C-alpha atoms as a PDB file:
ATOM      1  CA  UNK A   1      -0.237  -0.058  -0.069  1.00  0.00           C
ATOM      2  CA  UNK A   2       1.247   3.544  -0.728  1.00  0.00           C
ATOM      3  CA  UNK A   3       2.584   5.364   2.297  1.00  0.00           C
ATOM      4  CA  UNK A   4       0.041   8.040   1.530  1.00  0.00           C
ATOM      5  CA  UNK A   5      -2.917   5.522   1.082  1.00  0.00           C
ATOM      6  CA  UNK A   6      -1.907   4.358   4.732  1.00  0.00           C
ATOM      7  CA  UNK A   7      -1.661   7.669   5.968  1.00  0.00           C
ATOM      8  CA  UNK A   8      -5.176   8.207   5.008  1.00  0.00           C
ATOM      9  CA  UNK A   9      -6.518   5.408   6.371  1.00  0.00           C
ATOM     10  CA  UNK A  10      -4.764   5.314   9.761  1.00  0.00           C
ATOM     11  CA  UNK A  11      -6.175   8.521   9.835  1.00  0.00           C
ATOM     12  CA  UNK A  12      -9.545   7.461  10.134  1.00  0.00           C
ATOM     13  CA  UNK A  13      -8.822   5.667  12.775  1.00  0.00           C
ATOM     14  CA  UNK A  14      -7.157   8.137  14.627  1.00  0.00           C
ATOM     15  CA  UNK A  15      -6.734  11.639  13.340  1.00  0.00           C
ATOM     16  CA  UNK A  16      -4.055  12.769  15.803  1.00  0.00           C
ATOM     17  CA  UNK A  17      -1.611  10.321  13.801  1.00  0.00           C
ATOM     18  CA  UNK A  18       1.318  12.069  11.759  1.00  0.00           C
ATOM     19  CA  UNK A  19       2.529   9.748   9.826  1.00  0.00           C
ATOM     20  CA  UNK A  20       3.055   5.620   8.921  1.00  0.00           C
ATOM     21  CA  UNK A  21       6.256   4.339  10.370  1.00  0.00           C
ATOM     22  CA  UNK A  22       6.076   1.103   8.620  1.00  0.00           C
ATOM     23  CA  UNK A  23       3.540  -1.774   6.914  1.00  0.00           C
ATOM     24  CA  UNK A  24       3.827  -5.124   7.103  1.00  0.00           C
ATOM     25  CA  UNK A  25       1.537  -7.792   5.562  1.00  0.00           C
ATOM     26  CA  UNK A  26       0.276  -9.911   8.292  1.00  0.00           C
ATOM     27  CA  UNK A  27      -2.236 -12.329   5.981  1.00  0.00           C
ATOM     28  CA  UNK A  28      -3.433 -12.446   2.613  1.00  0.00           C
ATOM     29  CA  UNK A  29      -7.417 -13.522   2.770  1.00  0.00           C
ATOM     30  CA  UNK A  30      -9.794 -16.286   1.380  1.00  0.00           C
ATOM     31  CA  UNK A  31      -9.319 -16.720  -2.476  1.00  0.00           C
ATOM     32  CA  UNK A  32      -7.093 -13.680  -2.817  1.00  0.00           C
ATOM     33  CA  UNK A  33      -9.579 -11.416  -1.636  1.00  0.00           C
ATOM     34  CA  UNK A  34      -7.449  -9.032   0.300  1.00  0.00           C
ATOM     35  CA  UNK A  35      -5.171  -8.468   2.761  1.00  0.00           C
ATOM     36  CA  UNK A  36      -4.763  -7.882   6.972  1.00  0.00           C
ATOM     37  CA  UNK A  37      -1.531  -5.776   6.933  1.00  0.00           C
ATOM     38  CA  UNK A  38      -0.309  -3.955  10.373  1.00  0.00           C
ATOM     39  CA  UNK A  39       0.489  -0.261  10.345  1.00  0.00           C
ATOM     40  CA  UNK A  40       2.826   1.085  12.795  1.00  0.00           C
ATOM     41  CA  UNK A  41       2.145   4.668  13.100  1.00  0.00           C
ATOM     42  CA  UNK A  42       3.388   7.655  15.277  1.00  0.00           C
ATOM     43  CA  UNK A  43       0.807  10.569  16.847  1.00  0.00           C
ATOM     44  CA  UNK A  44       1.517  14.059  17.100  1.00  0.00           C
ATOM     45  CA  UNK A  45       2.359  13.749  20.594  1.00  0.00           C
ATOM     46  CA  UNK A  46       5.684  11.530  19.589  1.00  0.00           C
ATOM     47  CA  UNK A  47       3.945   8.063  20.940  1.00  0.00           C
ATOM     48  CA  UNK A  48       3.230   5.010  18.719  1.00  0.00           C
ATOM     49  CA  UNK A  49       0.387   3.312  17.865  1.00  0.00           C
ATOM     50  CA  UNK A  50      -0.416   0.381  15.948  1.00  0.00           C
ATOM     51  CA  UNK A  51      -3.584  -0.167  13.604  1.00  0.00           C
ATOM     52  CA  UNK A  52      -4.441  -3.648  11.418  1.00  0.00           C
ATOM     53  CA  UNK A  53      -5.789  -2.424   8.012  1.00  0.00           C
ATOM     54  CA  UNK A  54      -8.011  -5.224   6.897  1.00  0.00           C
ATOM     55  CA  UNK A  55      -8.682  -4.459   2.676  1.00  0.00           C
ATOM     56  CA  UNK A  56     -11.586  -6.493   1.277  1.00  0.00           C
ATOM     57  CA  UNK A  57     -12.316  -6.818  -2.582  1.00  0.00           C
ATOM     58  CA  UNK A  58     -14.855  -9.100  -3.624  1.00  0.00           C
ATOM     59  CA  UNK A  59     -16.674  -7.965  -6.165  1.00  0.00           C
ATOM     60  CA  UNK A  60     -18.566  -9.691  -8.682  1.00  0.00           C
ATOM     61  CA  UNK A  61     -18.454 -13.004  -6.503  1.00  0.00           C
ATOM     62  CA  UNK A  62     -19.124 -16.199  -9.100  1.00  0.00           C
ATOM     63  CA  UNK A  63     -18.923 -19.420  -7.270  1.00  0.00           C
ATOM     64  CA  UNK A  64     -21.304 -20.100  -4.084  1.00  0.00           C
ATOM     65  CA  UNK A  65     -18.142 -20.459  -1.664  1.00  0.00           C
ATOM     66  CA  UNK A  66     -17.110 -16.900  -3.307  1.00  0.00           C
ATOM     67  CA  UNK A  67     -20.343 -15.552  -2.476  1.00  0.00           C
ATOM     68  CA  UNK A  68     -20.491 -16.927   0.812  1.00  0.00           C
ATOM     69  CA  UNK A  69     -17.065 -15.286   1.799  1.00  0.00           C
ATOM     70  CA  UNK A  70     -18.441 -11.851   0.762  1.00  0.00           C
ATOM     71  CA  UNK A  71     -21.659 -12.276   2.897  1.00  0.00           C
ATOM     72  CA  UNK A  72     -18.831 -12.901   6.151  1.00  0.00           C
ATOM     73  CA  UNK A  73     -16.864 -10.186   5.017  1.00  0.00           C
ATOM     74  CA  UNK A  74     -20.557  -7.771   5.264  1.00  0.00           C
ATOM     75  CA  UNK A  75     -21.142  -9.460   8.685  1.00  0.00           C
ATOM     76  CA  UNK A  76     -17.630  -8.622   9.986  1.00  0.00           C
ATOM     77  CA  UNK A  77     -17.838  -4.857   8.704  1.00  0.00           C
ATOM     78  CA  UNK A  78     -21.035  -4.044  10.419  1.00  0.00           C
ATOM     79  CA  UNK A  79     -19.842  -6.239  13.767  1.00  0.00           C
ATOM     80  CA  UNK A  80     -16.726  -3.889  14.202  1.00  0.00           C
ATOM     81  CA  UNK A  81     -18.881  -0.992  13.240  1.00  0.00           C
ATOM     82  CA  UNK A  82     -21.511  -1.999  15.706  1.00  0.00           C
ATOM     83  CA  UNK A  83     -20.457  -4.350  18.456  1.00  0.00           C
ATOM     84  CA  UNK A  84     -16.647  -4.466  18.876  1.00  0.00           C
ATOM     85  CA  UNK A  85     -16.211  -1.563  20.786  1.00  0.00           C
ATOM     86  CA  UNK A  86     -18.737  -2.481  23.566  1.00  0.00           C
ATOM     87  CA  UNK A  87     -17.201  -6.098  23.696  1.00  0.00           C
ATOM     88  CA  UNK A  88     -13.724  -4.993  23.340  1.00  0.00           C
ATOM     89  CA  UNK A  89     -14.223  -3.681  26.501  1.00  0.00           C
ATOM     90  CA  UNK A  90     -15.371  -6.641  27.987  1.00  0.00           C
ATOM     91  CA  UNK A  91     -12.187  -8.394  26.681  1.00  0.00           C
ATOM     92  CA  UNK A  92     -13.978 -10.550  23.906  1.00  0.00           C
ATOM     93  CA  UNK A  93     -12.482  -9.054  20.952  1.00  0.00           C
ATOM     94  CA  UNK A  94     -10.172  -6.332  19.215  1.00  0.00           C
ATOM     95  CA  UNK A  95     -11.454  -2.685  19.078  1.00  0.00           C
ATOM     96  CA  UNK A  96     -12.523  -1.888  15.795  1.00  0.00           C
ATOM     97  CA  UNK A  97     -11.766   1.677  14.978  1.00  0.00           C
ATOM     98  CA  UNK A  98     -13.267   2.341  11.579  1.00  0.00           C
ATOM     99  CA  UNK A  99     -15.400   0.463   9.136  1.00  0.00           C
ATOM    100  CA  UNK A 100     -15.810   1.148   5.609  1.00  0.00           C
ATOM    101  CA  UNK A 101     -18.468  -0.728   3.489  1.00  0.00           C
ATOM    102  CA  UNK A 102     -18.946   0.383   0.115  1.00  0.00           C
ATOM    103  CA  UNK A 103     -21.817  -2.333  -1.042  1.00  0.00           C
ATOM    104  CA  UNK A 104     -19.739  -2.510  -4.154  1.00  0.00           C
ATOM    105  CA  UNK A 105     -17.208  -4.996  -2.852  1.00  0.00           C
ATOM    106  CA  UNK A 106     -14.595  -3.562  -1.286  1.00  0.00           C
ATOM    107  CA  UNK A 107     -14.570  -3.282   2.353  1.00  0.00           C
ATOM    108  CA  UNK A 108     -12.115  -1.935   5.158  1.00  0.00           C
ATOM    109  CA  UNK A 109     -11.976  -2.523   8.515  1.00  0.00           C
ATOM    110  CA  UNK A 110      -9.288  -0.737  10.924  1.00  0.00           C
ATOM    111  CA  UNK A 111      -8.719  -2.048  14.264  1.00  0.00           C
ATOM    112  CA  UNK A 112      -6.399  -2.531  16.875  1.00  0.00           C
ATOM    113  CA  UNK A 113      -4.172  -5.412  17.175  1.00  0.00           C
ATOM    114  CA  UNK A 114      -5.005  -7.951  19.365  1.00  0.00           C
ATOM    115  CA  UNK A 115      -4.197  -8.070  23.112  1.00  0.00           C
ATOM    116  CA  UNK A 116      -1.897 -11.245  23.205  1.00  0.00           C
ATOM    117  CA  UNK A 117      -0.414 -13.424  21.162  1.00  0.00           C
ATOM    118  CA  UNK A 118      -2.421 -16.296  19.711  1.00  0.00           C
ATOM    119  CA  UNK A 119      -2.042 -19.886  21.286  1.00  0.00           C
ATOM    120  CA  UNK A 120      -2.613 -23.049  20.318  1.00  0.00           C
ATOM    121  CA  UNK A 121      -3.099 -24.895  23.566  1.00  0.00           C
ATOM    122  CA  UNK A 122      -5.420 -24.166  26.477  1.00  0.00           C
ATOM    123  CA  UNK A 123      -5.781 -25.275  29.827  1.00  0.00           C
ATOM    124  CA  UNK A 124      -6.637 -24.184  33.604  1.00  0.00           C
ATOM    125  CA  UNK A 125      -7.330 -20.569  33.742  1.00  0.00           C
ATOM    126  CA  UNK A 126      -6.776 -19.312  29.903  1.00  0.00           C
ATOM    127  CA  UNK A 127      -8.976 -21.921  28.971  1.00  0.00           C
ATOM    128  CA  UNK A 128     -11.744 -20.645  31.567  1.00  0.00           C
ATOM    129  CA  UNK A 129     -11.091 -17.282  30.369  1.00  0.00           C
ATOM    130  CA  UNK A 130     -11.912 -18.301  26.922  1.00  0.00           C
ATOM    131  CA  UNK A 131     -15.007 -20.252  27.860  1.00  0.00           C
ATOM    132  CA  UNK A 132     -16.029 -17.126  30.116  1.00  0.00           C
ATOM    133  CA  UNK A 133     -15.182 -14.642  26.440  1.00  0.00           C
ATOM    134  CA  UNK A 134     -17.431 -17.203  24.091  1.00  0.00           C
ATOM    135  CA  UNK A 135     -20.087 -17.085  26.500  1.00  0.00           C
ATOM    136  CA  UNK A 136     -19.963 -13.283  26.957  1.00  0.00           C
ATOM    137  CA  UNK A 137     -20.172 -13.144  23.183  1.00  0.00           C
ATOM    138  CA  UNK A 138     -23.148 -15.350  22.831  1.00  0.00           C
ATOM    139  CA  UNK A 139     -24.936 -13.688  25.513  1.00  0.00           C
ATOM    140  CA  UNK A 140     -24.657 -10.238  23.822  1.00  0.00           C
ATOM    141  CA  UNK A 141     -27.025 -11.391  21.045  1.00  0.00           C
ATOM    142  CA  UNK A 142     -29.355 -14.146  22.903  1.00  0.00           C
ATOM    143  CA  UNK A 143     -32.915 -14.007  22.361  1.00  0.00           C
ATOM    144  CA  UNK A 144     -35.158 -13.051  20.165  1.00  0.00           C
ATOM    145  CA  UNK A 145     -35.165  -9.370  20.849  1.00  0.00           C
ATOM    146  CA  UNK A 146     -31.227  -9.413  20.519  1.00  0.00           C
ATOM    147  CA  UNK A 147     -30.931 -11.547  17.931  1.00  0.00           C
ATOM    148  CA  UNK A 148     -33.097  -9.698  15.746  1.00  0.00           C
ATOM    149  CA  UNK A 149     -31.789  -6.022  16.439  1.00  0.00           C
ATOM    150  CA  UNK A 150     -28.349  -7.872  15.319  1.00  0.00           C
ATOM    151  CA  UNK A 151     -29.337  -9.307  12.437  1.00  0.00           C
ATOM    152  CA  UNK A 152     -31.357  -5.050  11.470  1.00  0.00           C
ATOM    153  CA  UNK A 153     -27.758  -4.252  12.193  1.00  0.00           C
ATOM    154  CA  UNK A 154     -26.121  -6.301   9.876  1.00  0.00           C
ATOM    155  CA  UNK A 155     -25.219  -9.525  11.720  1.00  0.00           C
ATOM    156  CA  UNK A 156     -26.176 -13.045   9.938  1.00  0.00           C
ATOM    157  CA  UNK A 157     -29.342 -14.245  10.226  1.00  0.00           C
ATOM    158  CA  UNK A 158     -28.142 -17.794  10.986  1.00  0.00           C
ATOM    159  CA  UNK A 159     -24.365 -17.965  11.826  1.00  0.00           C
ATOM    160  CA  UNK A 160     -21.806 -21.203  11.666  1.00  0.00           C
ATOM    161  CA  UNK A 161     -22.076 -23.347   8.716  1.00  0.00           C
ATOM    162  CA  UNK A 162     -25.900 -22.128   7.762  1.00  0.00           C
ATOM    163  CA  UNK A 163     -24.921 -23.043   4.042  1.00  0.00           C
ATOM    164  CA  UNK A 164     -25.058 -26.618   4.859  1.00  0.00           C
ATOM    165  CA  UNK A 165     -28.685 -26.689   6.172  1.00  0.00           C
END
């Protein structure tokens, strides 16, 4: 990504950012539909800040699988725009800083990095904390009133592997 584009993105998440000091690709997305980039930034006061930028390009999906991926990215953008601030305060997810969905397949999500390293094994207190986080996430949407409001806000009507029904 060009430096000017990276700076404009970072400033849409935090207007006090004065420069992007480095960028590194974290991952590519399913079927080449975009990438995740880590932006190392400096704010006007000199402090450092990291922003994760997820660029999604899923215009004109043809296959059933690509249409399913596109739908999940729209839901993800809606989640970060509507719910991540509240749930990040409960340590359930990272905070969404800015989300754009042009409705034409171009989606950008800016978020804070995950607060801890990812792990592949859990036991004891770590496993209990993970289960508590999943419970808090599900409780936020439990019941018809909350579920209907979530669907109205752009969440999927049915989660998980709905397409297998």
